[in-house]
N, C-alpha and C. Protein backbone atom coordinates (compact mmCIF):
# COMPACT_ATOMS: atom_id res chain seq x y z
N UNK A 1 -13.04 21.41 55.63
CA UNK A 1 -14.05 21.23 54.58
C UNK A 1 -13.68 22.03 53.33
N UNK A 2 -13.27 23.32 53.57
CA UNK A 2 -12.87 24.15 52.45
C UNK A 2 -11.72 23.54 51.65
N UNK A 3 -10.78 22.98 52.39
CA UNK A 3 -9.63 22.33 51.73
C UNK A 3 -10.09 21.16 50.88
N UNK A 4 -11.02 20.38 51.42
CA UNK A 4 -11.54 19.23 50.67
C UNK A 4 -12.28 19.68 49.41
N UNK A 5 -13.07 20.78 49.54
CA UNK A 5 -13.79 21.29 48.38
C UNK A 5 -12.83 21.79 47.32
N UNK A 6 -11.78 22.49 47.76
CA UNK A 6 -10.79 22.98 46.81
C UNK A 6 -10.11 21.82 46.08
N UNK A 7 -9.75 20.80 46.84
CA UNK A 7 -9.11 19.62 46.24
C UNK A 7 -10.03 18.95 45.24
N UNK A 8 -11.32 18.84 45.63
CA UNK A 8 -12.30 18.22 44.74
C UNK A 8 -12.45 19.03 43.45
N UNK A 9 -12.50 20.37 43.58
CA UNK A 9 -12.63 21.22 42.41
C UNK A 9 -11.42 21.07 41.48
N UNK A 10 -10.25 21.01 42.08
CA UNK A 10 -9.02 20.84 41.28
C UNK A 10 -9.05 19.52 40.53
N UNK A 11 -9.46 18.45 41.23
CA UNK A 11 -9.53 17.12 40.59
C UNK A 11 -10.55 17.11 39.46
N UNK A 12 -11.69 17.75 39.69
CA UNK A 12 -12.72 17.82 38.64
C UNK A 12 -12.21 18.61 37.44
N UNK A 13 -11.50 19.70 37.71
CA UNK A 13 -10.95 20.52 36.64
C UNK A 13 -9.91 19.76 35.82
N UNK A 14 -9.02 19.05 36.52
CA UNK A 14 -8.00 18.26 35.84
C UNK A 14 -8.65 17.15 35.01
N UNK A 15 -9.69 16.54 35.57
CA UNK A 15 -10.39 15.48 34.84
C UNK A 15 -11.03 16.04 33.57
N UNK A 16 -11.63 17.24 33.68
CA UNK A 16 -12.25 17.87 32.52
C UNK A 16 -11.21 18.16 31.43
N UNK A 17 -10.04 18.69 31.87
CA UNK A 17 -8.97 18.95 30.90
C UNK A 17 -8.50 17.66 30.22
N UNK A 18 -8.37 16.60 31.01
CA UNK A 18 -7.91 15.31 30.49
C UNK A 18 -8.89 14.77 29.46
N UNK A 19 -10.18 14.82 29.79
CA UNK A 19 -11.20 14.32 28.87
C UNK A 19 -11.23 15.15 27.58
N UNK A 20 -11.08 16.47 27.74
CA UNK A 20 -11.05 17.34 26.56
C UNK A 20 -9.85 17.02 25.68
N UNK A 21 -8.71 16.79 26.33
CA UNK A 21 -7.50 16.43 25.58
C UNK A 21 -7.66 15.12 24.85
N UNK A 22 -8.26 14.13 25.51
CA UNK A 22 -8.48 12.83 24.87
C UNK A 22 -9.45 12.95 23.70
N UNK A 23 -10.49 13.76 23.89
CA UNK A 23 -11.46 13.95 22.81
C UNK A 23 -10.80 14.60 21.60
N UNK A 24 -9.95 15.60 21.86
CA UNK A 24 -9.25 16.28 20.76
C UNK A 24 -8.29 15.33 20.04
N UNK A 25 -7.57 14.53 20.83
CA UNK A 25 -6.64 13.57 20.23
C UNK A 25 -7.39 12.55 19.39
N UNK A 26 -8.58 12.15 19.84
CA UNK A 26 -9.38 11.18 19.09
C UNK A 26 -9.82 11.77 17.75
N UNK A 27 -10.26 13.05 17.80
CA UNK A 27 -10.74 13.69 16.57
C UNK A 27 -9.62 13.93 15.57
N UNK A 28 -8.40 14.17 16.08
CA UNK A 28 -7.28 14.51 15.20
C UNK A 28 -6.43 13.30 14.82
N UNK A 29 -6.81 12.12 15.28
CA UNK A 29 -5.99 10.94 15.01
C UNK A 29 -5.96 10.65 13.52
N UNK A 30 -4.84 10.08 12.99
CA UNK A 30 -4.78 9.73 11.58
C UNK A 30 -5.85 8.69 11.25
N UNK A 31 -6.47 8.83 10.10
CA UNK A 31 -7.51 7.89 9.70
C UNK A 31 -6.89 6.79 8.83
N UNK A 32 -6.91 5.55 9.29
CA UNK A 32 -6.34 4.47 8.50
C UNK A 32 -7.23 4.11 7.32
N UNK A 33 -6.63 3.51 6.32
CA UNK A 33 -7.42 3.00 5.20
C UNK A 33 -8.26 1.83 5.70
N UNK A 34 -9.52 1.80 5.32
CA UNK A 34 -10.38 0.69 5.72
C UNK A 34 -9.95 -0.55 4.97
N UNK A 35 -9.55 -1.58 5.71
CA UNK A 35 -9.09 -2.81 5.06
C UNK A 35 -10.25 -3.69 4.63
N UNK A 36 -11.47 -3.23 4.88
CA UNK A 36 -12.64 -4.02 4.49
C UNK A 36 -13.42 -3.30 3.39
N UNK A 37 -12.71 -2.74 2.43
CA UNK A 37 -13.36 -1.99 1.36
C UNK A 37 -14.35 -2.90 0.64
N UNK A 38 -15.58 -2.47 0.55
CA UNK A 38 -16.59 -3.27 -0.14
C UNK A 38 -16.36 -3.20 -1.64
N UNK A 39 -16.66 -4.29 -2.34
CA UNK A 39 -16.43 -4.33 -3.78
C UNK A 39 -17.19 -3.22 -4.49
N UNK A 40 -16.46 -2.39 -5.21
CA UNK A 40 -17.07 -1.34 -5.99
C UNK A 40 -17.58 -0.18 -5.17
N UNK A 41 -17.43 -0.20 -3.86
CA UNK A 41 -18.02 0.83 -3.01
C UNK A 41 -16.92 1.67 -2.36
N UNK A 42 -16.10 2.30 -3.19
CA UNK A 42 -15.01 3.12 -2.67
C UNK A 42 -14.61 4.15 -3.70
N UNK A 43 -14.12 5.28 -3.23
CA UNK A 43 -13.62 6.30 -4.14
C UNK A 43 -12.12 6.16 -4.34
N UNK A 44 -11.47 5.28 -3.59
CA UNK A 44 -10.05 5.05 -3.78
C UNK A 44 -9.80 4.22 -5.03
N UNK A 45 -8.60 4.35 -5.57
CA UNK A 45 -8.22 3.55 -6.72
C UNK A 45 -8.39 4.29 -8.03
N UNK A 46 -8.41 3.54 -9.11
CA UNK A 46 -8.58 4.13 -10.44
C UNK A 46 -7.38 3.89 -11.33
N UNK A 47 -7.56 4.20 -12.59
CA UNK A 47 -6.52 3.94 -13.59
C UNK A 47 -5.36 4.92 -13.44
N UNK A 48 -4.22 4.51 -13.95
CA UNK A 48 -3.02 5.36 -13.96
C UNK A 48 -2.10 4.85 -15.06
N UNK A 49 -1.17 5.68 -15.44
CA UNK A 49 -0.15 5.28 -16.41
C UNK A 49 1.22 5.65 -15.87
N UNK A 50 2.10 4.65 -15.79
CA UNK A 50 3.48 4.84 -15.36
C UNK A 50 4.40 4.18 -16.38
N UNK A 51 5.69 4.09 -16.08
CA UNK A 51 6.66 3.60 -17.06
C UNK A 51 7.38 2.37 -16.57
N UNK A 52 7.43 1.36 -17.41
CA UNK A 52 8.21 0.14 -17.15
C UNK A 52 9.41 0.12 -18.07
N UNK A 53 10.19 -0.93 -17.98
CA UNK A 53 11.37 -1.07 -18.85
C UNK A 53 10.97 -1.05 -20.32
N UNK A 54 9.77 -1.53 -20.61
CA UNK A 54 9.33 -1.65 -22.01
C UNK A 54 8.35 -0.55 -22.41
N UNK A 55 8.28 0.51 -21.62
CA UNK A 55 7.45 1.64 -22.00
C UNK A 55 6.28 1.88 -21.07
N UNK A 56 5.34 2.76 -21.49
CA UNK A 56 4.20 3.10 -20.64
C UNK A 56 3.34 1.88 -20.30
N UNK A 57 2.86 1.87 -19.07
CA UNK A 57 1.97 0.80 -18.59
C UNK A 57 0.82 1.46 -17.86
N UNK A 58 -0.40 1.07 -18.22
CA UNK A 58 -1.60 1.55 -17.52
C UNK A 58 -2.25 0.40 -16.78
N UNK A 59 -2.90 0.72 -15.70
CA UNK A 59 -3.65 -0.31 -14.98
C UNK A 59 -4.71 -0.93 -15.88
N UNK A 60 -5.29 -0.09 -16.74
CA UNK A 60 -6.34 -0.58 -17.64
C UNK A 60 -5.83 -1.61 -18.65
N UNK A 61 -4.49 -1.70 -18.80
CA UNK A 61 -3.92 -2.72 -19.69
C UNK A 61 -4.23 -4.12 -19.17
N UNK A 62 -4.56 -4.22 -17.89
CA UNK A 62 -4.76 -5.53 -17.27
C UNK A 62 -6.22 -5.82 -16.96
N UNK A 63 -7.11 -5.11 -17.65
CA UNK A 63 -8.54 -5.41 -17.50
C UNK A 63 -8.78 -6.87 -17.86
N UNK A 64 -9.62 -7.52 -17.10
CA UNK A 64 -9.86 -8.95 -17.30
C UNK A 64 -8.99 -9.81 -16.40
N UNK A 65 -7.99 -9.18 -15.78
CA UNK A 65 -7.15 -9.87 -14.80
C UNK A 65 -7.33 -9.20 -13.44
N UNK A 66 -6.91 -9.91 -12.40
CA UNK A 66 -6.84 -9.31 -11.06
C UNK A 66 -5.43 -8.72 -10.91
N UNK A 67 -5.35 -7.49 -10.44
CA UNK A 67 -4.05 -6.86 -10.21
C UNK A 67 -3.80 -6.71 -8.72
N UNK A 68 -2.55 -6.91 -8.33
CA UNK A 68 -2.13 -6.67 -6.96
C UNK A 68 -1.06 -5.59 -7.00
N UNK A 69 -1.37 -4.43 -6.44
CA UNK A 69 -0.46 -3.28 -6.49
C UNK A 69 0.24 -3.12 -5.14
N UNK A 70 1.54 -2.83 -5.20
CA UNK A 70 2.27 -2.47 -3.99
C UNK A 70 3.09 -1.22 -4.28
N UNK A 71 3.07 -0.27 -3.36
CA UNK A 71 3.76 1.01 -3.53
C UNK A 71 4.94 1.07 -2.56
N UNK A 72 6.16 1.16 -3.09
CA UNK A 72 7.35 1.18 -2.23
C UNK A 72 8.56 1.66 -3.01
N UNK A 73 9.72 1.06 -2.75
CA UNK A 73 10.92 1.42 -3.52
C UNK A 73 11.96 0.30 -3.38
N UNK A 74 12.84 0.19 -4.35
CA UNK A 74 13.72 -0.97 -4.45
C UNK A 74 14.78 -1.02 -3.35
N UNK A 75 15.16 0.13 -2.79
CA UNK A 75 16.18 0.13 -1.73
C UNK A 75 15.58 -0.09 -0.34
N UNK A 76 14.31 -0.31 -0.27
CA UNK A 76 13.61 -0.53 1.00
C UNK A 76 14.19 -1.76 1.70
N UNK A 77 14.59 -1.63 2.97
CA UNK A 77 15.29 -2.73 3.62
C UNK A 77 14.41 -3.84 4.17
N UNK A 78 13.12 -3.58 4.38
CA UNK A 78 12.34 -4.60 5.09
C UNK A 78 10.92 -4.81 4.56
N UNK A 79 10.06 -3.78 4.65
CA UNK A 79 8.65 -4.04 4.35
C UNK A 79 8.39 -4.36 2.88
N UNK A 80 9.12 -3.72 1.97
CA UNK A 80 8.92 -4.01 0.54
C UNK A 80 9.30 -5.45 0.19
N UNK A 81 10.48 -5.92 0.59
CA UNK A 81 10.78 -7.32 0.32
C UNK A 81 9.79 -8.28 0.96
N UNK A 82 9.31 -7.94 2.15
CA UNK A 82 8.32 -8.79 2.81
C UNK A 82 7.03 -8.85 1.99
N UNK A 83 6.54 -7.70 1.56
CA UNK A 83 5.31 -7.66 0.78
C UNK A 83 5.44 -8.42 -0.53
N UNK A 84 6.55 -8.21 -1.23
CA UNK A 84 6.74 -8.89 -2.51
C UNK A 84 6.97 -10.39 -2.32
N UNK A 85 7.56 -10.77 -1.21
CA UNK A 85 7.71 -12.20 -0.91
C UNK A 85 6.36 -12.84 -0.64
N UNK A 86 5.49 -12.11 0.07
CA UNK A 86 4.13 -12.62 0.32
C UNK A 86 3.40 -12.80 -1.00
N UNK A 87 3.49 -11.79 -1.88
CA UNK A 87 2.85 -11.88 -3.19
C UNK A 87 3.42 -13.04 -4.00
N UNK A 88 4.72 -13.20 -3.98
CA UNK A 88 5.36 -14.28 -4.73
C UNK A 88 4.91 -15.65 -4.25
N UNK A 89 4.88 -15.84 -2.92
CA UNK A 89 4.44 -17.13 -2.38
C UNK A 89 2.97 -17.38 -2.69
N UNK A 90 2.19 -16.33 -2.64
CA UNK A 90 0.76 -16.48 -2.96
C UNK A 90 0.56 -16.89 -4.41
N UNK A 91 1.31 -16.27 -5.30
CA UNK A 91 1.22 -16.63 -6.72
C UNK A 91 1.60 -18.09 -6.94
N UNK A 92 2.61 -18.54 -6.21
CA UNK A 92 3.04 -19.94 -6.35
C UNK A 92 1.98 -20.91 -5.86
N UNK A 93 1.16 -20.46 -4.91
CA UNK A 93 0.11 -21.32 -4.37
C UNK A 93 -1.07 -21.48 -5.32
N UNK A 94 -1.20 -20.55 -6.25
CA UNK A 94 -2.32 -20.61 -7.20
C UNK A 94 -2.06 -21.66 -8.27
N UNK A 95 -3.09 -22.34 -8.73
CA UNK A 95 -2.94 -23.20 -9.90
C UNK A 95 -2.48 -22.37 -11.09
N UNK A 96 -1.77 -22.98 -12.01
CA UNK A 96 -1.17 -22.26 -13.13
C UNK A 96 -2.17 -21.41 -13.90
N UNK A 97 -3.38 -21.96 -14.13
CA UNK A 97 -4.36 -21.21 -14.92
C UNK A 97 -4.87 -19.97 -14.18
N UNK A 98 -4.91 -20.05 -12.84
CA UNK A 98 -5.30 -18.86 -12.06
C UNK A 98 -4.14 -17.87 -11.95
N UNK A 99 -2.93 -18.39 -11.83
CA UNK A 99 -1.76 -17.52 -11.74
C UNK A 99 -1.66 -16.61 -12.95
N UNK A 100 -2.00 -17.12 -14.12
CA UNK A 100 -1.91 -16.34 -15.35
C UNK A 100 -2.95 -15.22 -15.39
N UNK A 101 -3.90 -15.26 -14.47
CA UNK A 101 -4.94 -14.23 -14.42
C UNK A 101 -4.67 -13.16 -13.36
N UNK A 102 -3.45 -13.20 -12.78
CA UNK A 102 -3.09 -12.24 -11.73
C UNK A 102 -1.83 -11.48 -12.14
N UNK A 103 -1.87 -10.17 -12.05
CA UNK A 103 -0.72 -9.33 -12.39
C UNK A 103 -0.28 -8.54 -11.17
N UNK A 104 0.97 -8.72 -10.76
CA UNK A 104 1.53 -7.91 -9.69
C UNK A 104 2.15 -6.64 -10.27
N UNK A 105 1.95 -5.51 -9.59
CA UNK A 105 2.50 -4.23 -10.04
C UNK A 105 3.21 -3.57 -8.86
N UNK A 106 4.52 -3.39 -8.99
CA UNK A 106 5.32 -2.73 -7.96
C UNK A 106 5.59 -1.30 -8.41
N UNK A 107 5.03 -0.34 -7.68
CA UNK A 107 5.19 1.08 -8.04
C UNK A 107 6.25 1.69 -7.15
N UNK A 108 7.32 2.22 -7.75
CA UNK A 108 8.38 2.85 -6.98
C UNK A 108 8.10 4.35 -6.81
N UNK A 109 8.24 4.81 -5.56
CA UNK A 109 8.11 6.25 -5.26
C UNK A 109 9.49 6.90 -5.17
N UNK A 110 10.50 6.20 -5.70
CA UNK A 110 11.88 6.70 -5.64
C UNK A 110 12.48 6.74 -7.05
N UNK A 111 11.92 7.57 -7.93
CA UNK A 111 12.36 7.57 -9.33
C UNK A 111 13.80 8.03 -9.53
N UNK A 112 14.35 8.75 -8.54
CA UNK A 112 15.73 9.22 -8.67
C UNK A 112 16.71 8.05 -8.68
N UNK A 113 16.38 7.00 -7.97
CA UNK A 113 17.27 5.82 -7.91
C UNK A 113 16.71 4.62 -8.66
N UNK A 114 15.41 4.51 -8.74
CA UNK A 114 14.79 3.33 -9.33
C UNK A 114 14.46 3.57 -10.81
N UNK A 115 15.43 3.27 -11.64
CA UNK A 115 15.21 3.34 -13.08
C UNK A 115 14.34 2.17 -13.51
N UNK A 116 13.71 2.24 -14.67
CA UNK A 116 12.94 1.10 -15.16
C UNK A 116 13.77 -0.19 -15.23
N UNK A 117 15.04 -0.08 -15.61
CA UNK A 117 15.91 -1.26 -15.65
C UNK A 117 16.12 -1.84 -14.26
N UNK A 118 16.40 -0.99 -13.30
CA UNK A 118 16.59 -1.46 -11.93
C UNK A 118 15.34 -2.13 -11.40
N UNK A 119 14.18 -1.56 -11.70
CA UNK A 119 12.93 -2.14 -11.23
C UNK A 119 12.65 -3.48 -11.91
N UNK A 120 13.00 -3.59 -13.17
CA UNK A 120 12.82 -4.87 -13.87
C UNK A 120 13.68 -5.95 -13.23
N UNK A 121 14.92 -5.60 -12.92
CA UNK A 121 15.82 -6.57 -12.28
C UNK A 121 15.33 -6.93 -10.87
N UNK A 122 14.85 -5.92 -10.15
CA UNK A 122 14.40 -6.12 -8.77
C UNK A 122 13.17 -7.03 -8.71
N UNK A 123 12.17 -6.74 -9.53
CA UNK A 123 10.95 -7.54 -9.48
C UNK A 123 11.17 -8.95 -10.04
N UNK A 124 12.09 -9.09 -11.00
CA UNK A 124 12.39 -10.41 -11.56
C UNK A 124 12.95 -11.35 -10.50
N UNK A 125 13.60 -10.79 -9.50
CA UNK A 125 14.13 -11.60 -8.40
C UNK A 125 12.99 -12.30 -7.65
N UNK A 126 11.81 -11.67 -7.64
CA UNK A 126 10.68 -12.25 -6.91
C UNK A 126 9.80 -13.12 -7.81
N UNK A 127 9.29 -12.55 -8.89
CA UNK A 127 8.37 -13.32 -9.74
C UNK A 127 8.24 -12.65 -11.11
N UNK A 128 8.15 -13.46 -12.18
CA UNK A 128 7.91 -12.89 -13.51
C UNK A 128 6.51 -12.29 -13.63
N UNK A 129 5.64 -12.55 -12.66
CA UNK A 129 4.28 -12.01 -12.68
C UNK A 129 4.20 -10.65 -12.01
N UNK A 130 5.35 -10.09 -11.58
CA UNK A 130 5.36 -8.77 -10.94
C UNK A 130 6.10 -7.79 -11.87
N UNK A 131 5.45 -6.69 -12.16
CA UNK A 131 5.99 -5.68 -13.07
C UNK A 131 6.40 -4.44 -12.27
N UNK A 132 7.61 -3.96 -12.49
CA UNK A 132 8.08 -2.75 -11.81
C UNK A 132 7.85 -1.52 -12.66
N UNK A 133 7.25 -0.49 -12.06
CA UNK A 133 6.97 0.75 -12.79
C UNK A 133 7.27 1.96 -11.91
N UNK A 134 7.52 3.08 -12.54
CA UNK A 134 7.68 4.36 -11.83
C UNK A 134 7.31 5.46 -12.80
N UNK A 135 7.58 6.70 -12.43
CA UNK A 135 7.22 7.80 -13.31
C UNK A 135 7.76 9.11 -12.79
N UNK A 136 7.22 10.20 -13.27
CA UNK A 136 7.61 11.51 -12.78
C UNK A 136 7.06 11.68 -11.37
N UNK A 137 7.61 12.65 -10.65
CA UNK A 137 7.12 12.91 -9.30
C UNK A 137 5.62 13.22 -9.32
N UNK A 138 5.18 13.97 -10.32
CA UNK A 138 3.77 14.33 -10.42
C UNK A 138 2.90 13.09 -10.64
N UNK A 139 3.35 12.20 -11.51
CA UNK A 139 2.60 10.97 -11.78
C UNK A 139 2.52 10.10 -10.53
N UNK A 140 3.65 9.98 -9.85
CA UNK A 140 3.70 9.15 -8.63
C UNK A 140 2.78 9.72 -7.56
N UNK A 141 2.85 11.02 -7.35
CA UNK A 141 2.02 11.65 -6.33
C UNK A 141 0.53 11.47 -6.63
N UNK A 142 0.18 11.48 -7.90
CA UNK A 142 -1.21 11.28 -8.28
C UNK A 142 -1.69 9.88 -7.90
N UNK A 143 -0.87 8.87 -8.20
CA UNK A 143 -1.24 7.50 -7.85
C UNK A 143 -1.33 7.32 -6.34
N UNK A 144 -0.37 7.90 -5.63
CA UNK A 144 -0.36 7.81 -4.16
C UNK A 144 -1.65 8.39 -3.60
N UNK A 145 -2.08 9.53 -4.13
CA UNK A 145 -3.35 10.14 -3.67
C UNK A 145 -4.54 9.26 -4.02
N UNK A 146 -4.53 8.73 -5.23
CA UNK A 146 -5.65 7.89 -5.67
C UNK A 146 -5.86 6.70 -4.75
N UNK A 147 -4.78 6.14 -4.25
CA UNK A 147 -4.88 4.90 -3.47
C UNK A 147 -4.77 5.13 -1.96
N UNK A 148 -4.83 6.38 -1.55
CA UNK A 148 -4.83 6.67 -0.13
C UNK A 148 -3.54 6.29 0.57
N UNK A 149 -2.45 6.29 -0.17
CA UNK A 149 -1.14 5.92 0.38
C UNK A 149 -0.38 7.18 0.79
N UNK A 150 0.85 7.01 1.27
CA UNK A 150 1.70 8.16 1.56
C UNK A 150 3.16 7.74 1.48
N UNK A 151 4.04 8.75 1.31
CA UNK A 151 5.48 8.50 1.39
C UNK A 151 6.17 9.82 1.69
N UNK A 152 7.38 9.76 2.21
CA UNK A 152 8.19 10.95 2.43
C UNK A 152 9.66 10.55 2.51
N UNK A 153 10.51 11.42 1.99
CA UNK A 153 11.95 11.20 2.06
C UNK A 153 12.46 11.48 3.47
N UNK A 154 13.39 10.64 3.93
CA UNK A 154 14.01 10.85 5.23
C UNK A 154 15.52 10.86 5.03
N UNK A 155 16.18 11.96 5.35
CA UNK A 155 17.62 12.08 5.18
C UNK A 155 18.35 11.18 6.18
N UNK A 156 19.34 10.45 5.69
CA UNK A 156 20.18 9.60 6.54
C UNK A 156 21.57 10.22 6.61
N UNK A 157 21.87 10.83 7.72
CA UNK A 157 23.12 11.60 7.85
C UNK A 157 24.38 10.74 7.69
N UNK A 158 24.38 9.57 8.30
CA UNK A 158 25.60 8.74 8.33
C UNK A 158 25.44 7.47 7.49
N UNK A 159 24.84 7.61 6.33
CA UNK A 159 24.62 6.45 5.48
C UNK A 159 25.00 6.77 4.04
N UNK A 160 25.59 5.78 3.38
CA UNK A 160 25.95 5.96 1.98
C UNK A 160 24.70 6.08 1.10
N UNK A 161 23.56 5.60 1.60
CA UNK A 161 22.32 5.69 0.84
C UNK A 161 21.87 7.14 0.67
N UNK A 162 22.20 7.99 1.64
CA UNK A 162 21.81 9.39 1.54
C UNK A 162 20.42 9.67 2.10
N UNK A 163 19.47 8.82 1.73
CA UNK A 163 18.12 8.99 2.24
C UNK A 163 17.36 7.66 2.15
N UNK A 164 16.34 7.56 2.98
CA UNK A 164 15.39 6.45 2.90
C UNK A 164 14.03 7.04 2.57
N UNK A 165 13.05 6.19 2.40
CA UNK A 165 11.69 6.67 2.11
C UNK A 165 10.73 5.97 3.06
N UNK A 166 10.12 6.74 3.93
CA UNK A 166 9.03 6.21 4.74
C UNK A 166 7.79 6.11 3.85
N UNK A 167 7.07 5.02 3.97
CA UNK A 167 5.87 4.90 3.12
C UNK A 167 4.87 3.94 3.74
N UNK A 168 3.63 4.10 3.33
CA UNK A 168 2.60 3.15 3.74
C UNK A 168 2.89 1.81 3.09
N UNK A 169 2.32 0.76 3.65
CA UNK A 169 2.70 -0.56 3.18
C UNK A 169 1.48 -1.49 3.12
N UNK A 170 0.84 -1.46 1.96
CA UNK A 170 -0.35 -2.30 1.78
C UNK A 170 -0.33 -2.92 0.38
N UNK A 171 -0.96 -4.06 0.31
CA UNK A 171 -1.22 -4.72 -0.97
C UNK A 171 -2.63 -4.32 -1.40
N UNK A 172 -2.75 -3.76 -2.59
CA UNK A 172 -4.03 -3.30 -3.10
C UNK A 172 -4.55 -4.29 -4.13
N UNK A 173 -5.71 -4.86 -3.89
CA UNK A 173 -6.29 -5.83 -4.80
C UNK A 173 -7.32 -5.14 -5.70
N UNK A 174 -7.09 -5.25 -7.00
CA UNK A 174 -7.94 -4.60 -8.00
C UNK A 174 -8.60 -5.69 -8.84
N UNK A 175 -9.91 -5.60 -8.98
CA UNK A 175 -10.62 -6.67 -9.69
C UNK A 175 -10.50 -6.53 -11.21
N UNK A 176 -11.18 -7.43 -11.91
CA UNK A 176 -11.05 -7.50 -13.36
C UNK A 176 -11.61 -6.28 -14.07
N UNK A 177 -12.43 -5.50 -13.38
CA UNK A 177 -12.98 -4.28 -13.96
C UNK A 177 -12.16 -3.05 -13.60
N UNK A 178 -11.05 -3.24 -12.90
CA UNK A 178 -10.19 -2.12 -12.55
C UNK A 178 -10.58 -1.40 -11.27
N UNK A 179 -11.43 -2.02 -10.44
CA UNK A 179 -11.87 -1.40 -9.19
C UNK A 179 -11.05 -1.92 -8.01
N UNK A 180 -10.62 -1.01 -7.16
CA UNK A 180 -9.97 -1.40 -5.92
C UNK A 180 -11.01 -2.00 -4.99
N UNK A 181 -10.82 -3.26 -4.60
CA UNK A 181 -11.85 -3.93 -3.81
C UNK A 181 -11.38 -4.35 -2.42
N UNK A 182 -10.06 -4.36 -2.20
CA UNK A 182 -9.58 -4.81 -0.89
C UNK A 182 -8.14 -4.39 -0.70
N UNK A 183 -7.73 -4.15 0.55
CA UNK A 183 -6.32 -3.94 0.85
C UNK A 183 -5.91 -4.92 1.95
N UNK A 184 -4.66 -5.34 1.89
CA UNK A 184 -4.10 -6.22 2.91
C UNK A 184 -2.80 -5.61 3.41
N UNK A 185 -2.48 -5.84 4.67
CA UNK A 185 -1.20 -5.40 5.19
C UNK A 185 -0.07 -6.16 4.53
N UNK A 186 1.12 -5.54 4.47
CA UNK A 186 2.25 -6.15 3.78
C UNK A 186 2.68 -7.48 4.41
N UNK A 187 2.39 -7.64 5.71
CA UNK A 187 2.81 -8.86 6.40
C UNK A 187 1.67 -9.84 6.59
N UNK A 188 0.63 -9.71 5.77
CA UNK A 188 -0.41 -10.72 5.76
C UNK A 188 0.19 -12.05 5.30
N UNK A 189 -0.45 -13.13 5.64
CA UNK A 189 0.09 -14.43 5.23
C UNK A 189 -0.16 -14.65 3.74
N UNK A 190 0.72 -15.39 3.07
CA UNK A 190 0.48 -15.71 1.67
C UNK A 190 -0.88 -16.39 1.46
N UNK A 191 -1.28 -17.22 2.43
CA UNK A 191 -2.56 -17.91 2.29
C UNK A 191 -3.73 -16.94 2.31
N UNK A 192 -3.63 -15.90 3.14
CA UNK A 192 -4.70 -14.90 3.19
C UNK A 192 -4.82 -14.20 1.84
N UNK A 193 -3.70 -13.86 1.25
CA UNK A 193 -3.72 -13.23 -0.07
C UNK A 193 -4.26 -14.19 -1.12
N UNK A 194 -3.81 -15.44 -1.06
CA UNK A 194 -4.30 -16.44 -2.01
C UNK A 194 -5.80 -16.61 -1.94
N UNK A 195 -6.33 -16.67 -0.72
CA UNK A 195 -7.78 -16.82 -0.54
C UNK A 195 -8.52 -15.62 -1.14
N UNK A 196 -7.97 -14.42 -0.94
CA UNK A 196 -8.61 -13.22 -1.47
C UNK A 196 -8.56 -13.20 -3.00
N UNK A 197 -7.44 -13.63 -3.56
CA UNK A 197 -7.32 -13.67 -5.02
C UNK A 197 -8.28 -14.70 -5.62
N UNK A 198 -8.35 -15.87 -5.01
CA UNK A 198 -9.22 -16.91 -5.54
C UNK A 198 -10.68 -16.52 -5.45
N UNK A 199 -11.03 -15.80 -4.39
CA UNK A 199 -12.41 -15.33 -4.26
C UNK A 199 -12.77 -14.41 -5.44
N UNK A 200 -11.85 -13.53 -5.82
CA UNK A 200 -12.09 -12.64 -6.95
C UNK A 200 -12.14 -13.41 -8.26
N UNK A 201 -11.23 -14.36 -8.42
CA UNK A 201 -11.17 -15.13 -9.65
C UNK A 201 -12.39 -16.02 -9.82
N UNK A 202 -12.80 -16.66 -8.75
CA UNK A 202 -13.95 -17.57 -8.82
C UNK A 202 -15.25 -16.80 -9.02
N UNK A 203 -15.40 -15.69 -8.28
CA UNK A 203 -16.63 -14.90 -8.40
C UNK A 203 -16.79 -14.32 -9.81
N UNK A 204 -15.66 -14.00 -10.42
CA UNK A 204 -15.71 -13.43 -11.77
C UNK A 204 -16.01 -14.50 -12.79
N UNK A 205 -15.53 -15.70 -12.50
CA UNK A 205 -15.74 -16.79 -13.45
C UNK A 205 -17.18 -17.26 -13.46
């Protein structure tokens, strides 16, 4: 009987430790960005000024249009091209008059390699409706904080690239008043993005 009680106590103790560990892990888990941001009901987003090939560009320059922002870098091997391809296909799905009311903005977090000229060439490969911008490290970090994004350099020991950049990967939809109203994953379907853009365009009209 004593042996059984001891075994039971040990099992109960282990269970308590396990539950405590799970509770702690739950409390400390990374908090994802809510992809269902209600229109106008968020502290994320806001205006910023960065640099394009033709000079300073602010988000507020595109008031009256819907903006789609993506934060990445031109040497990104996979998620950035995927996101920009989704945006490009979505823009092609829009009627011409609606397409002219949407501005894509590609923000590079790799200013050491992504010059304004390089970004202009890179975004032109996808769509003339996508503008490439970057800035100082301080400016970039400010935008990243504003939009709840993240990035970090990762050294590549055996690569000519020298380093890669891990980063969050979302499409940020900003309405005609400059408010962040929705985010989509980079691998969302072009149709999903098109539907979201048209909803903003139609509701505003």
